[in-house]
Protein backbone atom coordinates (compact mmCIF):
# COMPACT_ATOMS: atom_id res chain seq x y z
CA MET A 1 0.00 0.00 0.00
CA ILE A 2 1.32 3.29 -1.05
CA ASN A 3 0.91 6.14 1.25
CA LEU A 4 0.52 9.37 -0.62
CA LEU A 5 -0.06 11.55 2.40
CA PRO A 6 2.22 14.36 3.09
CA SER A 7 4.94 13.71 5.65
CA THR A 8 3.48 16.06 8.29
CA ILE A 9 0.23 14.16 8.27
CA LYS A 10 2.16 10.92 8.36
CA LYS A 11 3.94 12.15 11.45
CA GLU A 12 0.71 13.19 13.03
CA LEU A 13 -0.82 9.83 12.23
CA GLN A 14 2.15 8.06 13.78
CA GLN A 15 1.92 10.25 16.85
CA LEU A 16 -1.79 9.54 17.01
CA LEU A 17 -1.03 5.82 16.76
CA VAL A 18 1.56 6.10 19.55
CA TYR A 19 -0.96 8.07 21.68
CA LYS A 20 -3.58 5.41 21.03
CA ARG A 21 -1.12 2.70 22.07
CA ILE A 22 -0.15 4.66 25.18
CA ILE A 23 -3.82 5.18 26.06
CA LEU A 24 -4.52 1.51 25.41
CA VAL A 25 -1.57 0.45 27.61
CA ALA A 26 -2.70 2.96 30.28
CA ILE A 27 -6.26 1.57 30.15
CA PHE A 28 -4.96 -2.01 30.41
CA LEU A 29 -2.63 -0.95 33.22
CA ALA A 30 -5.49 0.84 34.99
CA LEU A 31 -7.75 -2.19 34.54
CA PHE A 32 -4.98 -4.44 35.82
CA LEU A 33 -4.37 -2.21 38.84
CA LEU A 34 -8.11 -2.00 39.48
CA ALA A 35 -8.41 -5.78 39.27
CA LEU A 36 -5.37 -6.16 41.53
CA ALA A 37 -6.88 -3.71 44.00
CA GLY A 38 -10.15 -5.67 43.94
CA ILE A 39 -8.31 -8.93 44.52
CA LEU A 40 -6.30 -7.40 47.36
CA PHE A 41 -9.44 -5.87 48.89
CA SER A 42 -11.25 -9.24 48.68
CA LEU A 43 -8.22 -10.93 50.24
CA GLN A 44 -8.15 -8.34 53.02
CA MET A 45 -11.87 -8.87 53.69
CA LEU A 46 -11.38 -12.65 53.72
CA LEU A 47 -8.43 -12.39 56.12
CA ALA A 48 -10.32 -9.92 58.32
CA ASP A 49 -13.29 -12.33 58.51
CA ARG A 50 -11.01 -15.24 59.34
CA ASN A 51 -9.19 -13.12 61.91
CA ARG A 52 -12.52 -12.12 63.49
CA PHE A 53 -13.65 -15.77 63.47
CA PHE A 54 -10.44 -16.98 65.13
CA ARG A 55 -10.54 -14.12 67.65
CA ASP A 56 -14.14 -14.97 68.54
CA SER A 57 -13.38 -18.68 68.86
CA ILE A 58 -10.34 -17.88 71.04
CA GLU A 59 -12.48 -15.66 73.25
CA VAL A 60 -15.11 -18.40 73.59
CA LYS A 61 -12.42 -20.95 74.47
CA GLN A 62 -10.84 -18.54 76.97
CA LYS A 63 -14.22 -17.92 78.59
CA SER A 64 -14.94 -21.64 78.82
CA LEU A 65 -11.43 -22.21 80.16
CA GLU A 66 -11.87 -19.39 82.65
CA SER A 67 -15.23 -20.77 83.73
CA THR A 68 -13.68 -24.24 84.09
CA GLN A 69 -10.80 -22.80 86.07
CA LEU A 70 -13.21 -20.75 88.15
CA ARG A 71 -15.33 -23.83 88.83
CA ASP A 72 -12.20 -25.81 89.76
CA PHE A 73 -11.06 -22.93 91.97
CA ARG A 74 -14.47 -22.81 93.69
CA ASN A 75 -14.35 -26.57 94.25
CA LEU A 76 -10.86 -26.21 95.68
CA ILE A 77 -12.04 -23.43 98.00
CA GLN A 78 -15.00 -25.54 99.16
CA GLU A 79 -12.72 -28.49 99.89
CA GLU A 80 -10.30 -26.26 101.80
CA ASN A 81 -13.22 -24.77 103.76
CA LYS A 82 -14.37 -28.29 104.69
CA GLN A 83 -10.86 -29.09 105.88
CA LEU A 84 -10.71 -25.84 107.85
CA ASN A 85 -14.08 -26.61 109.44
CA LYS A 86 -12.78 -30.02 110.51
CA VAL A 87 -9.66 -28.43 111.98
CA ASN A 88 -11.82 -25.81 113.69
CA GLN A 89 -13.98 -28.57 115.21
CA ILE A 90 -10.89 -30.33 116.49
CA TRP A 91 -9.56 -27.13 118.03
CA SER A 92 -12.90 -26.17 119.56
CA ASN A 93 -13.31 -29.64 121.13
CA GLN A 94 -9.73 -29.78 122.39
CA VAL A 95 -9.16 -29.97 126.12
CA TYR A 96 -5.88 -28.72 127.52
CA PHE A 97 -4.67 -31.14 130.17
CA TYR A 98 -2.02 -28.88 131.65
CA PRO A 99 -4.43 -26.93 133.92
CA ILE A 100 -5.87 -30.21 135.20
CA LEU A 101 -2.45 -31.59 136.05
CA GLU A 102 -1.26 -28.32 137.53
CA LYS A 103 -4.25 -28.10 139.86
CA PHE A 104 -4.06 -31.79 140.75
CA PHE A 105 -0.34 -31.75 141.59
CA SER A 106 -0.85 -28.79 143.90
CA PHE A 107 -2.87 -31.15 146.17
CA VAL A 108 -0.47 -34.13 146.16
CA PRO A 109 1.40 -34.40 149.50
CA SER A 110 5.08 -35.30 149.58
CA ASP A 111 4.53 -38.79 151.01
CA ILE A 112 2.22 -39.88 148.15
CA TYR A 113 3.87 -41.19 145.01
CA LEU A 114 2.01 -41.50 141.72
CA LYS A 115 2.53 -44.49 139.43
CA SER A 116 0.23 -43.63 136.54
CA ILE A 117 -2.17 -40.93 135.41
CA SER A 118 -4.76 -41.44 132.70
CA LEU A 119 -6.70 -38.49 131.28
CA GLN A 120 -9.54 -39.09 128.87
CA LYS A 121 -11.84 -36.53 127.32
CA LEU A 122 -15.45 -37.46 127.93
CA LYS A 123 -17.76 -37.98 125.02
CA THR A 124 -20.62 -35.53 124.69
CA THR A 125 -23.27 -38.23 124.97
CA THR A 126 -25.60 -37.95 127.93
CA ASN A 127 -27.89 -40.34 129.74
CA GLN A 128 -31.56 -39.79 130.67
CA SER A 129 -30.67 -37.73 133.75
CA GLY A 130 -28.54 -35.32 131.69
CA LYS A 131 -25.16 -36.56 132.97
CA ARG A 132 -22.22 -36.92 130.65
CA LEU A 133 -20.97 -40.46 130.21
CA SER A 134 -17.40 -41.71 130.16
CA ASN A 135 -16.40 -45.12 128.88
CA THR A 136 -16.63 -46.63 132.36
CA ARG A 137 -18.87 -44.50 134.58
CA GLU A 138 -21.11 -41.44 134.84
CA VAL A 139 -19.50 -38.12 135.72
CA PRO A 140 -21.90 -35.16 135.94
CA ASP A 141 -20.75 -31.83 134.47
CA ALA A 142 -17.21 -33.09 133.80
CA LEU A 143 -15.14 -32.67 130.66
CA VAL A 144 -12.27 -35.06 131.48
CA ASP A 145 -12.21 -38.42 133.27
CA VAL A 146 -9.01 -38.82 135.33
CA GLU A 147 -7.75 -42.16 136.65
CA ILE A 148 -4.73 -42.24 138.96
CA SER A 149 -2.82 -45.03 140.66
CA GLY A 150 -0.15 -44.50 143.26
CA PHE A 151 1.42 -45.35 146.58
CA ALA A 152 0.67 -43.68 149.95
CA ALA A 153 2.93 -44.07 152.97
CA SER A 154 0.00 -43.85 155.42
CA ARG A 155 -3.78 -43.95 155.53
CA ASP A 156 -3.88 -40.45 157.11
CA SER A 157 -1.97 -38.82 154.23
CA LEU A 158 -4.28 -40.58 151.74
CA LEU A 159 -7.35 -39.37 153.68
CA SER A 160 -6.11 -35.75 153.73
CA PHE A 161 -5.27 -35.96 150.01
CA LEU A 162 -8.73 -37.33 149.25
CA ALA A 163 -10.39 -34.62 151.41
CA LYS A 164 -8.52 -31.88 149.52
CA LEU A 165 -9.63 -33.30 146.17
CA LYS A 166 -13.27 -33.58 147.28
CA ALA A 167 -13.23 -30.01 148.64
CA GLU A 168 -12.18 -28.58 145.26
CA ASP A 169 -15.14 -27.75 142.99
CA SER A 170 -13.24 -28.62 139.80
CA PHE A 171 -12.90 -32.28 140.79
CA LYS A 172 -16.22 -34.14 140.45
CA GLU A 173 -17.19 -37.59 141.74
CA VAL A 174 -13.89 -38.46 143.41
CA ASN A 175 -14.00 -42.25 143.88
CA ILE A 176 -11.57 -44.59 145.59
CA PRO A 177 -12.13 -48.33 146.14
CA ASN A 178 -13.05 -49.32 149.73
CA THR A 179 -10.41 -52.06 149.80
CA VAL A 180 -7.74 -49.34 149.99
CA TRP A 181 -8.72 -48.50 153.56
CA LEU A 182 -7.92 -51.97 154.91
CA LYS A 183 -4.17 -51.29 155.15
CA PRO A 184 -2.91 -48.67 157.65
CA ALA A 185 0.40 -48.04 155.80
CA ASN A 186 2.16 -48.68 152.48
CA ILE A 187 -1.06 -48.43 150.52
CA ASP A 188 -1.28 -49.02 146.79
CA PHE A 189 -4.32 -47.05 145.67
CA SER A 190 -6.24 -46.06 142.58
CA LEU A 191 -8.78 -43.30 142.29
CA ASN A 192 -10.78 -41.64 139.57
CA PHE A 193 -12.65 -38.40 139.22
CA GLY A 194 -14.07 -36.03 136.66
CA PHE A 195 -12.59 -32.62 136.01
CA ASN A 196 -14.43 -29.52 134.91
CA LYS A 197 -12.78 -26.20 134.24
């Protein structure tokens, strides 16, 4: 094909062709960038939704874990409170034997020797008359049952010792077997009584 156009028009046509190509490349580039932006925006939305989903599921798991831990912690506290209540019951029911022994030894004369002392806390069960019961006998208003065995040099010292014990209000139901009184000297004896603070 022969082109009979003048050279200025040819140049203009070539420039127009170059402009058209540049515009076409710019349009394709703009469409490509627009498509890329759409893809990136869709990807961002997808990642944001997944992020929100994972964050929500993590929060739900944390709440369930916290509620499980809280429930376990409450159970632990309840168990510890039960243990503390048991310890408190033990401490509230405890009887200190030192005051009993201190008061008792203040009445023991020098010519009476003790072989054994048994102290036993009385159970809180009562009989029909309202007296507390020990394992062996009834002791009214007593907290501790005391059993003692010993040796007395004379009957008179044993009598004075027994009179002192009976005169004290803290010692209840002081009992000594009658067979003890048969010997005038070198007496092996046993006695028992209840003690109340």
